[in-house]
């Protein structure tokens, strides 16, 4: 069992960058596929990116492909989401999630969720 904890959110201007981190307050993330999801006010939670437990596979939503990069450092028990060329439509709460399997776009496939970190992109 793990308890993801996100950090690194904040306010940034359009075109800027942020790096989100996801650690755990218990357990180890290295055994899990890790995903990032986001939810904007009034919208459903949506998939952003995922990485398999060995980092052999990564998955991205079309809306963030070529701008965001997911990575993990199992030695540090941490997963990252590097976000570049941010747009106002990227504004949302970002959630880190852990789950079994090789990678999934679907939130139902993730068992453990963090509380989220807010990202606000101003125009």
PDB file of N, CA and C in Angstrom:
ATOM      1  N   UNK A   1       0.839  -1.183   0.000  1.00  0.00           N
ATOM      2  CA  UNK A   1       0.000   0.000   0.000  1.00  0.00           C
ATOM      3  C   UNK A   1       0.882   1.244   0.000  1.00  0.00           C
ATOM      4  N   UNK A   2       0.461   2.255  -0.774  1.00  0.00           N
ATOM      5  CA  UNK A   2       1.202   3.515  -0.832  1.00  0.00           C
ATOM      6  C   UNK A   2       0.228   4.668  -0.651  1.00  0.00           C
ATOM      7  N   UNK A   3       0.753   5.794  -0.243  1.00  0.00           N
ATOM      8  CA  UNK A   3      -0.022   7.012  -0.135  1.00  0.00           C
ATOM      9  C   UNK A   3       0.703   8.103  -0.903  1.00  0.00           C
ATOM     10  N   UNK A   4       0.302   8.346  -2.157  1.00  0.00           N
ATOM     11  CA  UNK A   4       0.977   9.381  -2.948  1.00  0.00           C
ATOM     12  C   UNK A   4       0.770  10.766  -2.352  1.00  0.00           C
ATOM     13  N   UNK A   5       1.812  11.571  -2.473  1.00  0.00           N
ATOM     14  CA  UNK A   5       1.754  12.954  -2.017  1.00  0.00           C
ATOM     15  C   UNK A   5       2.365  13.826  -3.107  1.00  0.00           C
ATOM     16  N   UNK A   6       1.545  14.727  -3.663  1.00  0.00           N
ATOM     17  CA  UNK A   6       2.004  15.592  -4.746  1.00  0.00           C
ATOM     18  C   UNK A   6       2.580  16.895  -4.204  1.00  0.00           C
ATOM     19  N   UNK A   7       3.479  17.475  -4.985  1.00  0.00           N
ATOM     20  CA  UNK A   7       4.026  18.792  -4.669  1.00  0.00           C
ATOM     21  C   UNK A   7       4.484  19.445  -5.962  1.00  0.00           C
ATOM     22  N   UNK A   8       4.730  20.742  -5.892  1.00  0.00           N
ATOM     23  CA  UNK A   8       5.294  21.447  -7.042  1.00  0.00           C
ATOM     24  C   UNK A   8       4.321  22.302  -7.818  1.00  0.00           C
ATOM     25  N   UNK A   9       3.043  22.278  -7.440  1.00  0.00           N
ATOM     26  CA  UNK A   9       2.088  23.122  -8.136  1.00  0.00           C
ATOM     27  C   UNK A   9       2.314  24.594  -7.839  1.00  0.00           C
ATOM     28  N   UNK A  10       1.601  25.435  -8.575  1.00  0.00           N
ATOM     29  CA  UNK A  10       1.731  26.860  -8.354  1.00  0.00           C
ATOM     30  C   UNK A  10       1.132  27.659  -9.483  1.00  0.00           C
ATOM     31  N   UNK A  11       1.449  28.951  -9.466  1.00  0.00           N
ATOM     32  CA  UNK A  11       0.964  29.882 -10.479  1.00  0.00           C
ATOM     33  C   UNK A  11       2.101  30.186 -11.446  1.00  0.00           C
ATOM     34  N   UNK A  12       1.807  30.074 -12.739  1.00  0.00           N
ATOM     35  CA  UNK A  12       2.818  30.318 -13.755  1.00  0.00           C
ATOM     36  C   UNK A  12       2.161  31.000 -14.944  1.00  0.00           C
ATOM     37  N   UNK A  13       2.925  31.792 -15.655  1.00  0.00           N
ATOM     38  CA  UNK A  13       2.394  32.433 -16.858  1.00  0.00           C
ATOM     39  C   UNK A  13       2.386  31.457 -18.025  1.00  0.00           C
ATOM     40  N   UNK A  14       1.508  31.712 -18.963  1.00  0.00           N
ATOM     41  CA  UNK A  14       1.452  30.892 -20.172  1.00  0.00           C
ATOM     42  C   UNK A  14       2.820  30.856 -20.838  1.00  0.00           C
ATOM     43  N   UNK A  15       3.198  29.663 -21.284  1.00  0.00           N
ATOM     44  CA  UNK A  15       4.510  29.465 -21.871  1.00  0.00           C
ATOM     45  C   UNK A  15       5.566  29.037 -20.879  1.00  0.00           C
ATOM     46  N   UNK A  16       5.247  29.116 -19.609  1.00  0.00           N
ATOM     47  CA  UNK A  16       6.199  28.750 -18.577  1.00  0.00           C
ATOM     48  C   UNK A  16       6.221  27.255 -18.306  1.00  0.00           C
ATOM     49  N   UNK A  17       6.987  26.891 -17.276  1.00  0.00           N
ATOM     50  CA  UNK A  17       7.183  25.491 -16.930  1.00  0.00           C
ATOM     51  C   UNK A  17       6.994  25.268 -15.430  1.00  0.00           C
ATOM     52  N   UNK A  18       6.603  24.056 -15.105  1.00  0.00           N
ATOM     53  CA  UNK A  18       6.537  23.596 -13.720  1.00  0.00           C
ATOM     54  C   UNK A  18       6.922  22.130 -13.707  1.00  0.00           C
ATOM     55  N   UNK A  19       7.457  21.693 -12.580  1.00  0.00           N
ATOM     56  CA  UNK A  19       7.702  20.269 -12.406  1.00  0.00           C
ATOM     57  C   UNK A  19       6.974  19.798 -11.160  1.00  0.00           C
ATOM     58  N   UNK A  20       6.072  18.868 -11.357  1.00  0.00           N
ATOM     59  CA  UNK A  20       5.358  18.255 -10.245  1.00  0.00           C
ATOM     60  C   UNK A  20       6.111  17.017  -9.782  1.00  0.00           C
ATOM     61  N   UNK A  21       6.047  16.790  -8.492  1.00  0.00           N
ATOM     62  CA  UNK A  21       6.651  15.596  -7.906  1.00  0.00           C
ATOM     63  C   UNK A  21       5.587  14.811  -7.162  1.00  0.00           C
ATOM     64  N   UNK A  22       5.791  13.519  -7.121  1.00  0.00           N
ATOM     65  CA  UNK A  22       4.897  12.631  -6.371  1.00  0.00           C
ATOM     66  C   UNK A  22       5.763  11.669  -5.578  1.00  0.00           C
ATOM     67  N   UNK A  23       5.692  11.772  -4.272  1.00  0.00           N
ATOM     68  CA  UNK A  23       6.395  10.850  -3.390  1.00  0.00           C
ATOM     69  C   UNK A  23       5.332  10.055  -2.635  1.00  0.00           C
ATOM     70  N   UNK A  24       5.759   9.334  -1.646  1.00  0.00           N
ATOM     71  CA  UNK A  24       4.795   8.577  -0.858  1.00  0.00           C
ATOM     72  C   UNK A  24       5.137   8.663   0.613  1.00  0.00           C
ATOM     73  N   UNK A  25       4.092   8.765   1.426  1.00  0.00           N
ATOM     74  CA  UNK A  25       4.304   8.823   2.865  1.00  0.00           C
ATOM     75  C   UNK A  25       4.380   7.432   3.483  1.00  0.00           C
ATOM     76  N   UNK A  26       4.073   6.409   2.686  1.00  0.00           N
ATOM     77  CA  UNK A  26       4.213   5.027   3.149  1.00  0.00           C
ATOM     78  C   UNK A  26       4.361   4.122   1.949  1.00  0.00           C
ATOM     79  N   UNK A  27       5.051   3.007   2.144  1.00  0.00           N
ATOM     80  CA  UNK A  27       5.255   2.069   1.054  1.00  0.00           C
ATOM     81  C   UNK A  27       6.259   2.572   0.050  1.00  0.00           C
ATOM     82  N   UNK A  28       6.322   1.887  -1.087  1.00  0.00           N
ATOM     83  CA  UNK A  28       7.253   2.249  -2.144  1.00  0.00           C
ATOM     84  C   UNK A  28       6.518   2.323  -3.466  1.00  0.00           C
ATOM     85  N   UNK A  29       6.827   3.355  -4.233  1.00  0.00           N
ATOM     86  CA  UNK A  29       6.175   3.550  -5.521  1.00  0.00           C
ATOM     87  C   UNK A  29       6.740   2.661  -6.610  1.00  0.00           C
ATOM     88  N   UNK A  30       7.914   2.097  -6.377  1.00  0.00           N
ATOM     89  CA  UNK A  30       8.614   1.401  -7.448  1.00  0.00           C
ATOM     90  C   UNK A  30       7.869   0.167  -7.947  1.00  0.00           C
ATOM     91  N   UNK A  31       6.952  -0.341  -7.159  1.00  0.00           N
ATOM     92  CA  UNK A  31       6.222  -1.546  -7.536  1.00  0.00           C
ATOM     93  C   UNK A  31       5.006  -1.251  -8.403  1.00  0.00           C
ATOM     94  N   UNK A  32       4.703   0.024  -8.605  1.00  0.00           N
ATOM     95  CA  UNK A  32       3.453   0.401  -9.243  1.00  0.00           C
ATOM     96  C   UNK A  32       3.649   1.161 -10.545  1.00  0.00           C
ATOM     97  N   UNK A  33       2.672   1.001 -11.412  1.00  0.00           N
ATOM     98  CA  UNK A  33       2.517   1.952 -12.499  1.00  0.00           C
ATOM     99  C   UNK A  33       2.000   3.244 -11.902  1.00  0.00           C
ATOM    100  N   UNK A  34       2.545   4.359 -12.359  1.00  0.00           N
ATOM    101  CA  UNK A  34       2.164   5.654 -11.815  1.00  0.00           C
ATOM    102  C   UNK A  34       1.515   6.512 -12.890  1.00  0.00           C
ATOM    103  N   UNK A  35       0.483   7.204 -12.492  1.00  0.00           N
ATOM    104  CA  UNK A  35      -0.212   8.072 -13.431  1.00  0.00           C
ATOM    105  C   UNK A  35      -0.437   9.456 -12.866  1.00  0.00           C
ATOM    106  N   UNK A  36      -0.582  10.409 -13.767  1.00  0.00           N
ATOM    107  CA  UNK A  36      -1.013  11.758 -13.409  1.00  0.00           C
ATOM    108  C   UNK A  36      -2.347  12.025 -14.092  1.00  0.00           C
ATOM    109  N   UNK A  37      -3.264  12.556 -13.319  1.00  0.00           N
ATOM    110  CA  UNK A  37      -4.564  12.963 -13.818  1.00  0.00           C
ATOM    111  C   UNK A  37      -4.776  14.414 -13.404  1.00  0.00           C
ATOM    112  N   UNK A  38      -5.746  15.060 -14.029  1.00  0.00           N
ATOM    113  CA  UNK A  38      -6.063  16.424 -13.636  1.00  0.00           C
ATOM    114  C   UNK A  38      -7.557  16.647 -13.713  1.00  0.00           C
ATOM    115  N   UNK A  39      -7.995  17.620 -12.927  1.00  0.00           N
ATOM    116  CA  UNK A  39      -9.408  17.960 -12.920  1.00  0.00           C
ATOM    117  C   UNK A  39      -9.557  19.461 -12.790  1.00  0.00           C
ATOM    118  N   UNK A  40     -10.204  20.052 -13.769  1.00  0.00           N
ATOM    119  CA  UNK A  40     -10.500  21.480 -13.744  1.00  0.00           C
ATOM    120  C   UNK A  40     -11.894  21.683 -13.164  1.00  0.00           C
ATOM    121  N   UNK A  41     -12.179  22.863 -12.618  1.00  0.00           N
ATOM    122  CA  UNK A  41     -13.502  23.121 -12.043  1.00  0.00           C
ATOM    123  C   UNK A  41     -14.609  22.866 -13.051  1.00  0.00           C
ATOM    124  N   UNK A  42     -15.613  22.096 -12.632  1.00  0.00           N
ATOM    125  CA  UNK A  42     -16.743  21.821 -13.496  1.00  0.00           C
ATOM    126  C   UNK A  42     -16.496  20.774 -14.559  1.00  0.00           C
ATOM    127  N   UNK A  43     -15.314  20.162 -14.533  1.00  0.00           N
ATOM    128  CA  UNK A  43     -14.994  19.154 -15.542  1.00  0.00           C
ATOM    129  C   UNK A  43     -14.662  17.826 -14.873  1.00  0.00           C
ATOM    130  N   UNK A  44     -14.720  16.775 -15.651  1.00  0.00           N
ATOM    131  CA  UNK A  44     -14.378  15.458 -15.133  1.00  0.00           C
ATOM    132  C   UNK A  44     -12.859  15.307 -15.046  1.00  0.00           C
ATOM    133  N   UNK A  45     -12.443  14.404 -14.182  1.00  0.00           N
ATOM    134  CA  UNK A  45     -11.017  14.103 -14.071  1.00  0.00           C
ATOM    135  C   UNK A  45     -10.560  13.470 -15.377  1.00  0.00           C
ATOM    136  N   UNK A  46      -9.397  13.887 -15.863  1.00  0.00           N
ATOM    137  CA  UNK A  46      -8.903  13.361 -17.122  1.00  0.00           C
ATOM    138  C   UNK A  46      -7.465  12.883 -16.988  1.00  0.00           C
ATOM    139  N   UNK A  47      -7.143  11.916 -17.778  1.00  0.00           N
ATOM    140  CA  UNK A  47      -5.812  11.348 -17.829  1.00  0.00           C
ATOM    141  C   UNK A  47      -4.821  12.340 -18.407  1.00  0.00           C
ATOM    142  N   UNK A  48      -3.619  12.383 -17.841  1.00  0.00           N
ATOM    143  CA  UNK A  48      -2.559  13.235 -18.354  1.00  0.00           C
ATOM    144  C   UNK A  48      -1.386  12.392 -18.864  1.00  0.00           C
ATOM    145  N   UNK A  49      -0.850  11.546 -17.992  1.00  0.00           N
ATOM    146  CA  UNK A  49       0.321  10.752 -18.365  1.00  0.00           C
ATOM    147  C   UNK A  49       0.457   9.570 -17.415  1.00  0.00           C
ATOM    148  N   UNK A  50       1.170   8.549 -17.877  1.00  0.00           N
ATOM    149  CA  UNK A  50       1.434   7.389 -17.029  1.00  0.00           C
ATOM    150  C   UNK A  50       2.788   6.799 -17.400  1.00  0.00           C
ATOM    151  N   UNK A  51       3.353   6.079 -16.441  1.00  0.00           N
ATOM    152  CA  UNK A  51       4.650   5.437 -16.666  1.00  0.00           C
ATOM    153  C   UNK A  51       4.641   4.078 -15.983  1.00  0.00           C
ATOM    154  N   UNK A  52       5.124   3.077 -16.690  1.00  0.00           N
ATOM    155  CA  UNK A  52       5.157   1.735 -16.123  1.00  0.00           C
ATOM    156  C   UNK A  52       6.214   1.665 -15.019  1.00  0.00           C
ATOM    157  N   UNK A  53       6.160   0.596 -14.232  1.00  0.00           N
ATOM    158  CA  UNK A  53       7.003   0.547 -13.045  1.00  0.00           C
ATOM    159  C   UNK A  53       8.484   0.462 -13.365  1.00  0.00           C
ATOM    160  N   UNK A  54       8.831  -0.021 -14.551  1.00  0.00           N
ATOM    161  CA  UNK A  54      10.239  -0.061 -14.960  1.00  0.00           C
ATOM    162  C   UNK A  54      10.622   1.102 -15.858  1.00  0.00           C
ATOM    163  N   UNK A  55       9.681   2.034 -16.059  1.00  0.00           N
ATOM    164  CA  UNK A  55       9.896   3.174 -16.944  1.00  0.00           C
ATOM    165  C   UNK A  55      10.047   2.759 -18.396  1.00  0.00           C
ATOM    166  N   UNK A  56       9.656   1.537 -18.715  1.00  0.00           N
ATOM    167  CA  UNK A  56       9.828   1.070 -20.085  1.00  0.00           C
ATOM    168  C   UNK A  56       8.749   1.625 -21.014  1.00  0.00           C
ATOM    169  N   UNK A  57       7.638   2.035 -20.445  1.00  0.00           N
ATOM    170  CA  UNK A  57       6.553   2.571 -21.264  1.00  0.00           C
ATOM    171  C   UNK A  57       6.006   3.846 -20.646  1.00  0.00           C
ATOM    172  N   UNK A  58       5.736   4.799 -21.504  1.00  0.00           N
ATOM    173  CA  UNK A  58       5.071   6.019 -21.072  1.00  0.00           C
ATOM    174  C   UNK A  58       3.861   6.263 -21.960  1.00  0.00           C
ATOM    175  N   UNK A  59       2.890   6.938 -21.393  1.00  0.00           N
ATOM    176  CA  UNK A  59       1.631   7.197 -22.081  1.00  0.00           C
ATOM    177  C   UNK A  59       1.256   8.650 -21.829  1.00  0.00           C
ATOM    178  N   UNK A  60       0.712   9.298 -22.846  1.00  0.00           N
ATOM    179  CA  UNK A  60       0.339  10.699 -22.719  1.00  0.00           C
ATOM    180  C   UNK A  60      -1.016  10.960 -23.364  1.00  0.00           C
ATOM    181  N   UNK A  61      -1.745  11.880 -22.780  1.00  0.00           N
ATOM    182  CA  UNK A  61      -2.932  12.409 -23.436  1.00  0.00           C
ATOM    183  C   UNK A  61      -2.482  13.244 -24.631  1.00  0.00           C
ATOM    184  N   UNK A  62      -3.274  13.255 -25.666  1.00  0.00           N
ATOM    185  CA  UNK A  62      -2.922  14.025 -26.866  1.00  0.00           C
ATOM    186  C   UNK A  62      -2.720  15.502 -26.540  1.00  0.00           C
ATOM    187  N   UNK A  63      -3.470  15.993 -25.573  1.00  0.00           N
ATOM    188  CA  UNK A  63      -3.440  17.422 -25.253  1.00  0.00           C
ATOM    189  C   UNK A  63      -2.118  17.858 -24.622  1.00  0.00           C
ATOM    190  N   UNK A  64      -1.344  16.908 -24.099  1.00  0.00           N
ATOM    191  CA  UNK A  64      -0.086  17.284 -23.438  1.00  0.00           C
ATOM    192  C   UNK A  64       1.137  16.678 -24.117  1.00  0.00           C
ATOM    193  N   UNK A  65       0.911  15.840 -25.097  1.00  0.00           N
ATOM    194  CA  UNK A  65       2.033  15.188 -25.788  1.00  0.00           C
ATOM    195  C   UNK A  65       2.972  16.245 -26.345  1.00  0.00           C
ATOM    196  N   UNK A  66       4.247  16.011 -26.222  1.00  0.00           N
ATOM    197  CA  UNK A  66       5.312  16.903 -26.685  1.00  0.00           C
ATOM    198  C   UNK A  66       5.500  18.128 -25.806  1.00  0.00           C
ATOM    199  N   UNK A  67       4.688  18.281 -24.771  1.00  0.00           N
ATOM    200  CA  UNK A  67       4.864  19.389 -23.815  1.00  0.00           C
ATOM    201  C   UNK A  67       5.189  18.877 -22.420  1.00  0.00           C
ATOM    202  N   UNK A  68       4.594  17.753 -22.047  1.00  0.00           N
ATOM    203  CA  UNK A  68       4.778  17.187 -20.719  1.00  0.00           C
ATOM    204  C   UNK A  68       5.620  15.924 -20.818  1.00  0.00           C
ATOM    205  N   UNK A  69       6.402  15.674 -19.778  1.00  0.00           N
ATOM    206  CA  UNK A  69       7.213  14.467 -19.705  1.00  0.00           C
ATOM    207  C   UNK A  69       7.070  13.843 -18.329  1.00  0.00           C
ATOM    208  N   UNK A  70       6.694  12.572 -18.304  1.00  0.00           N
ATOM    209  CA  UNK A  70       6.617  11.844 -17.049  1.00  0.00           C
ATOM    210  C   UNK A  70       7.881  11.013 -16.885  1.00  0.00           C
ATOM    211  N   UNK A  71       8.371  10.964 -15.674  1.00  0.00           N
ATOM    212  CA  UNK A  71       9.561  10.164 -15.392  1.00  0.00           C
ATOM    213  C   UNK A  71       9.480   9.679 -13.949  1.00  0.00           C
ATOM    214  N   UNK A  72      10.370   8.776 -13.613  1.00  0.00           N
ATOM    215  CA  UNK A  72      10.385   8.288 -12.238  1.00  0.00           C
ATOM    216  C   UNK A  72      11.808   7.960 -11.836  1.00  0.00           C
ATOM    217  N   UNK A  73      12.061   8.103 -10.567  1.00  0.00           N
ATOM    218  CA  UNK A  73      13.337   7.717  -9.983  1.00  0.00           C
ATOM    219  C   UNK A  73      12.994   6.770  -8.843  1.00  0.00           C
ATOM    220  N   UNK A  74      13.066   5.485  -9.114  1.00  0.00           N
ATOM    221  CA  UNK A  74      12.661   4.506  -8.111  1.00  0.00           C
ATOM    222  C   UNK A  74      13.593   4.515  -6.897  1.00  0.00           C
ATOM    223  N   UNK A  75      14.830   4.902  -7.108  1.00  0.00           N
ATOM    224  CA  UNK A  75      15.753   4.991  -5.980  1.00  0.00           C
ATOM    225  C   UNK A  75      15.318   6.085  -5.007  1.00  0.00           C
ATOM    226  N   UNK A  76      14.717   7.132  -5.539  1.00  0.00           N
ATOM    227  CA  UNK A  76      14.214   8.228  -4.701  1.00  0.00           C
ATOM    228  C   UNK A  76      12.737   8.070  -4.390  1.00  0.00           C
ATOM    229  N   UNK A  77      12.134   6.997  -4.908  1.00  0.00           N
ATOM    230  CA  UNK A  77      10.722   6.740  -4.622  1.00  0.00           C
ATOM    231  C   UNK A  77       9.852   7.919  -5.037  1.00  0.00           C
ATOM    232  N   UNK A  78      10.153   8.470  -6.206  1.00  0.00           N
ATOM    233  CA  UNK A  78       9.488   9.693  -6.646  1.00  0.00           C
ATOM    234  C   UNK A  78       9.178   9.612  -8.139  1.00  0.00           C
ATOM    235  N   UNK A  79       8.039  10.179  -8.489  1.00  0.00           N
ATOM    236  CA  UNK A  79       7.619  10.300  -9.881  1.00  0.00           C
ATOM    237  C   UNK A  79       7.487  11.789 -10.191  1.00  0.00           C
ATOM    238  N   UNK A  80       7.831  12.155 -11.409  1.00  0.00           N
ATOM    239  CA  UNK A  80       7.831  13.559 -11.803  1.00  0.00           C
ATOM    240  C   UNK A  80       6.932  13.780 -13.023  1.00  0.00           C
ATOM    241  N   UNK A  81       6.434  14.986 -13.130  1.00  0.00           N
ATOM    242  CA  UNK A  81       5.750  15.425 -14.334  1.00  0.00           C
ATOM    243  C   UNK A  81       6.328  16.788 -14.689  1.00  0.00           C
ATOM    244  N   UNK A  82       7.168  16.807 -15.707  1.00  0.00           N
ATOM    245  CA  UNK A  82       7.726  18.056 -16.208  1.00  0.00           C
ATOM    246  C   UNK A  82       6.751  18.644 -17.212  1.00  0.00           C
ATOM    247  N   UNK A  83       6.314  19.854 -16.931  1.00  0.00           N
ATOM    248  CA  UNK A  83       5.309  20.503 -17.777  1.00  0.00           C
ATOM    249  C   UNK A  83       5.917  21.754 -18.392  1.00  0.00           C
ATOM    250  N   UNK A  84       6.041  21.759 -19.695  1.00  0.00           N
ATOM    251  CA  UNK A  84       6.589  22.884 -20.436  1.00  0.00           C
ATOM    252  C   UNK A  84       5.523  23.502 -21.337  1.00  0.00           C
ATOM    253  N   UNK A  85       5.791  24.695 -21.790  1.00  0.00           N
ATOM    254  CA  UNK A  85       4.869  25.390 -22.697  1.00  0.00           C
ATOM    255  C   UNK A  85       3.443  25.357 -22.164  1.00  0.00           C
ATOM    256  N   UNK A  86       3.297  25.698 -20.912  1.00  0.00           N
ATOM    257  CA  UNK A  86       1.988  25.618 -20.268  1.00  0.00           C
ATOM    258  C   UNK A  86       1.001  26.591 -20.888  1.00  0.00           C
ATOM    259  N   UNK A  87      -0.247  26.152 -20.909  1.00  0.00           N
ATOM    260  CA  UNK A  87      -1.334  26.935 -21.474  1.00  0.00           C
ATOM    261  C   UNK A  87      -2.392  27.170 -20.396  1.00  0.00           C
ATOM    262  N   UNK A  88      -3.197  28.216 -20.540  1.00  0.00           N
ATOM    263  CA  UNK A  88      -4.272  28.440 -19.554  1.00  0.00           C
ATOM    264  C   UNK A  88      -5.184  27.223 -19.401  1.00  0.00           C
ATOM    265  N   UNK A  89      -5.392  26.474 -20.464  1.00  0.00           N
ATOM    266  CA  UNK A  89      -6.260  25.294 -20.375  1.00  0.00           C
ATOM    267  C   UNK A  89      -5.628  24.144 -19.598  1.00  0.00           C
ATOM    268  N   UNK A  90      -4.363  24.267 -19.213  1.00  0.00           N
ATOM    269  CA  UNK A  90      -3.735  23.276 -18.334  1.00  0.00           C
ATOM    270  C   UNK A  90      -4.077  23.523 -16.861  1.00  0.00           C
ATOM    271  N   UNK A  91      -4.741  24.639 -16.577  1.00  0.00           N
ATOM    272  CA  UNK A  91      -5.108  24.952 -15.209  1.00  0.00           C
ATOM    273  C   UNK A  91      -6.036  23.880 -14.643  1.00  0.00           C
ATOM    274  N   UNK A  92      -5.634  23.291 -13.526  1.00  0.00           N
ATOM    275  CA  UNK A  92      -6.399  22.203 -12.912  1.00  0.00           C
ATOM    276  C   UNK A  92      -5.711  21.783 -11.628  1.00  0.00           C
ATOM    277  N   UNK A  93      -6.403  20.947 -10.877  1.00  0.00           N
ATOM    278  CA  UNK A  93      -5.756  20.214  -9.797  1.00  0.00           C
ATOM    279  C   UNK A  93      -5.165  18.954 -10.397  1.00  0.00           C
ATOM    280  N   UNK A  94      -3.905  18.691 -10.084  1.00  0.00           N
ATOM    281  CA  UNK A  94      -3.200  17.532 -10.643  1.00  0.00           C
ATOM    282  C   UNK A  94      -3.042  16.474  -9.559  1.00  0.00           C
ATOM    283  N   UNK A  95      -3.399  15.249  -9.926  1.00  0.00           N
ATOM    284  CA  UNK A  95      -3.403  14.135  -8.992  1.00  0.00           C
ATOM    285  C   UNK A  95      -2.441  13.047  -9.451  1.00  0.00           C
ATOM    286  N   UNK A  96      -1.719  12.539  -8.504  1.00  0.00           N
ATOM    287  CA  UNK A  96      -0.833  11.403  -8.726  1.00  0.00           C
ATOM    288  C   UNK A  96      -1.555  10.140  -8.263  1.00  0.00           C
ATOM    289  N   UNK A  97      -1.391   9.056  -9.024  1.00  0.00           N
ATOM    290  CA  UNK A  97      -2.080   7.821  -8.683  1.00  0.00           C
ATOM    291  C   UNK A  97      -1.172   6.627  -8.936  1.00  0.00           C
ATOM    292  N   UNK A  98      -1.373   5.585  -8.151  1.00  0.00           N
ATOM    293  CA  UNK A  98      -0.584   4.360  -8.274  1.00  0.00           C
ATOM    294  C   UNK A  98      -1.508   3.182  -8.529  1.00  0.00           C
ATOM    295  N   UNK A  99      -1.055   2.282  -9.393  1.00  0.00           N
ATOM    296  CA  UNK A  99      -1.874   1.119  -9.684  1.00  0.00           C
ATOM    297  C   UNK A  99      -1.053  -0.031 -10.231  1.00  0.00           C
ATOM    298  N   UNK A 100      -1.635  -1.221 -10.289  1.00  0.00           N
ATOM    299  CA  UNK A 100      -0.946  -2.383 -10.838  1.00  0.00           C
ATOM    300  C   UNK A 100      -0.964  -2.343 -12.360  1.00  0.00           C
ATOM    301  N   UNK A 101      -0.331  -3.272 -12.983  1.00  0.00           N
ATOM    302  CA  UNK A 101      -0.377  -3.351 -14.427  1.00  0.00           C
ATOM    303  C   UNK A 101       0.699  -2.531 -15.084  1.00  0.00           C
ATOM    304  N   UNK A 102       0.686  -2.536 -16.402  1.00  0.00           N
ATOM    305  CA  UNK A 102       1.741  -1.890 -17.161  1.00  0.00           C
ATOM    306  C   UNK A 102       1.480  -0.461 -17.545  1.00  0.00           C
ATOM    307  N   UNK A 103       0.268   0.014 -17.271  1.00  0.00           N
ATOM    308  CA  UNK A 103      -0.039   1.394 -17.646  1.00  0.00           C
ATOM    309  C   UNK A 103      -1.472   1.485 -18.120  1.00  0.00           C
ATOM    310  N   UNK A 104      -2.154   2.554 -17.745  1.00  0.00           N
ATOM    311  CA  UNK A 104      -3.552   2.688 -18.113  1.00  0.00           C
ATOM    312  C   UNK A 104      -3.926   4.149 -18.231  1.00  0.00           C
ATOM    313  N   UNK A 105      -4.873   4.413 -19.129  1.00  0.00           N
ATOM    314  CA  UNK A 105      -5.429   5.748 -19.297  1.00  0.00           C
ATOM    315  C   UNK A 105      -6.634   5.972 -18.384  1.00  0.00           C
ATOM    316  N   UNK A 106      -7.061   4.934 -17.694  1.00  0.00           N
ATOM    317  CA  UNK A 106      -8.330   4.985 -16.990  1.00  0.00           C
ATOM    318  C   UNK A 106      -8.137   5.067 -15.482  1.00  0.00           C
ATOM    319  N   UNK A 107      -8.808   6.018 -14.862  1.00  0.00           N
ATOM    320  CA  UNK A 107      -8.649   6.237 -13.431  1.00  0.00           C
ATOM    321  C   UNK A 107      -9.080   5.027 -12.621  1.00  0.00           C
ATOM    322  N   UNK A 108      -9.994   4.244 -13.135  1.00  0.00           N
ATOM    323  CA  UNK A 108     -10.484   3.077 -12.398  1.00  0.00           C
ATOM    324  C   UNK A 108      -9.383   2.043 -12.190  1.00  0.00           C
ATOM    325  N   UNK A 109      -8.335   2.099 -12.985  1.00  0.00           N
ATOM    326  CA  UNK A 109      -7.242   1.128 -12.873  1.00  0.00           C
ATOM    327  C   UNK A 109      -6.194   1.520 -11.843  1.00  0.00           C
ATOM    328  N   UNK A 110      -6.405   2.631 -11.172  1.00  0.00           N
ATOM    329  CA  UNK A 110      -5.461   3.095 -10.154  1.00  0.00           C
ATOM    330  C   UNK A 110      -6.098   2.984  -8.778  1.00  0.00           C
ATOM    331  N   UNK A 111      -5.359   2.411  -7.843  1.00  0.00           N
ATOM    332  CA  UNK A 111      -5.911   2.120  -6.528  1.00  0.00           C
ATOM    333  C   UNK A 111      -5.660   3.210  -5.488  1.00  0.00           C
ATOM    334  N   UNK A 112      -4.543   3.919  -5.644  1.00  0.00           N
ATOM    335  CA  UNK A 112      -4.118   4.854  -4.607  1.00  0.00           C
ATOM    336  C   UNK A 112      -3.954   6.242  -5.213  1.00  0.00           C
ATOM    337  N   UNK A 113      -4.497   7.222  -4.527  1.00  0.00           N
ATOM    338  CA  UNK A 113      -4.540   8.576  -5.055  1.00  0.00           C
ATOM    339  C   UNK A 113      -4.017   9.572  -4.027  1.00  0.00           C
ATOM    340  N   UNK A 114      -3.338  10.603  -4.535  1.00  0.00           N
ATOM    341  CA  UNK A 114      -2.948  11.702  -3.685  1.00  0.00           C
ATOM    342  C   UNK A 114      -4.063  12.724  -3.559  1.00  0.00           C
ATOM    343  N   UNK A 115      -3.800  13.772  -2.799  1.00  0.00           N
ATOM    344  CA  UNK A 115      -4.791  14.805  -2.548  1.00  0.00           C
ATOM    345  C   UNK A 115      -4.814  15.880  -3.620  1.00  0.00           C
ATOM    346  N   UNK A 116      -3.786  15.906  -4.451  1.00  0.00           N
ATOM    347  CA  UNK A 116      -3.757  16.862  -5.548  1.00  0.00           C
ATOM    348  C   UNK A 116      -2.930  18.095  -5.248  1.00  0.00           C
ATOM    349  N   UNK A 117      -2.439  18.709  -6.317  1.00  0.00           N
ATOM    350  CA  UNK A 117      -1.720  19.979  -6.221  1.00  0.00           C
ATOM    351  C   UNK A 117      -2.248  20.889  -7.333  1.00  0.00           C
ATOM    352  N   UNK A 118      -2.457  22.139  -6.988  1.00  0.00           N
ATOM    353  CA  UNK A 118      -3.093  23.068  -7.922  1.00  0.00           C
ATOM    354  C   UNK A 118      -2.064  23.682  -8.866  1.00  0.00           C
ATOM    355  N   UNK A 119      -2.408  23.664 -10.133  1.00  0.00           N
ATOM    356  CA  UNK A 119      -1.608  24.344 -11.156  1.00  0.00           C
ATOM    357  C   UNK A 119      -2.499  25.394 -11.806  1.00  0.00           C
ATOM    358  N   UNK A 120      -2.050  26.629 -11.797  1.00  0.00           N
ATOM    359  CA  UNK A 120      -2.797  27.721 -12.407  1.00  0.00           C
ATOM    360  C   UNK A 120      -1.904  28.407 -13.429  1.00  0.00           C
ATOM    361  N   UNK A 121      -2.392  28.469 -14.661  1.00  0.00           N
ATOM    362  CA  UNK A 121      -1.631  29.092 -15.739  1.00  0.00           C
ATOM    363  C   UNK A 121      -2.357  30.361 -16.166  1.00  0.00           C
ATOM    364  N   UNK A 122      -1.715  31.483 -16.011  1.00  0.00           N
ATOM    365  CA  UNK A 122      -2.335  32.755 -16.365  1.00  0.00           C
ATOM    366  C   UNK A 122      -1.995  33.124 -17.811  1.00  0.00           C
ATOM    367  N   UNK A 123      -2.930  33.808 -18.431  1.00  0.00           N
ATOM    368  CA  UNK A 123      -2.724  34.200 -19.841  1.00  0.00           C
ATOM    369  C   UNK A 123      -2.039  35.554 -19.951  1.00  0.00           C
TER     370      UNK A 123
END
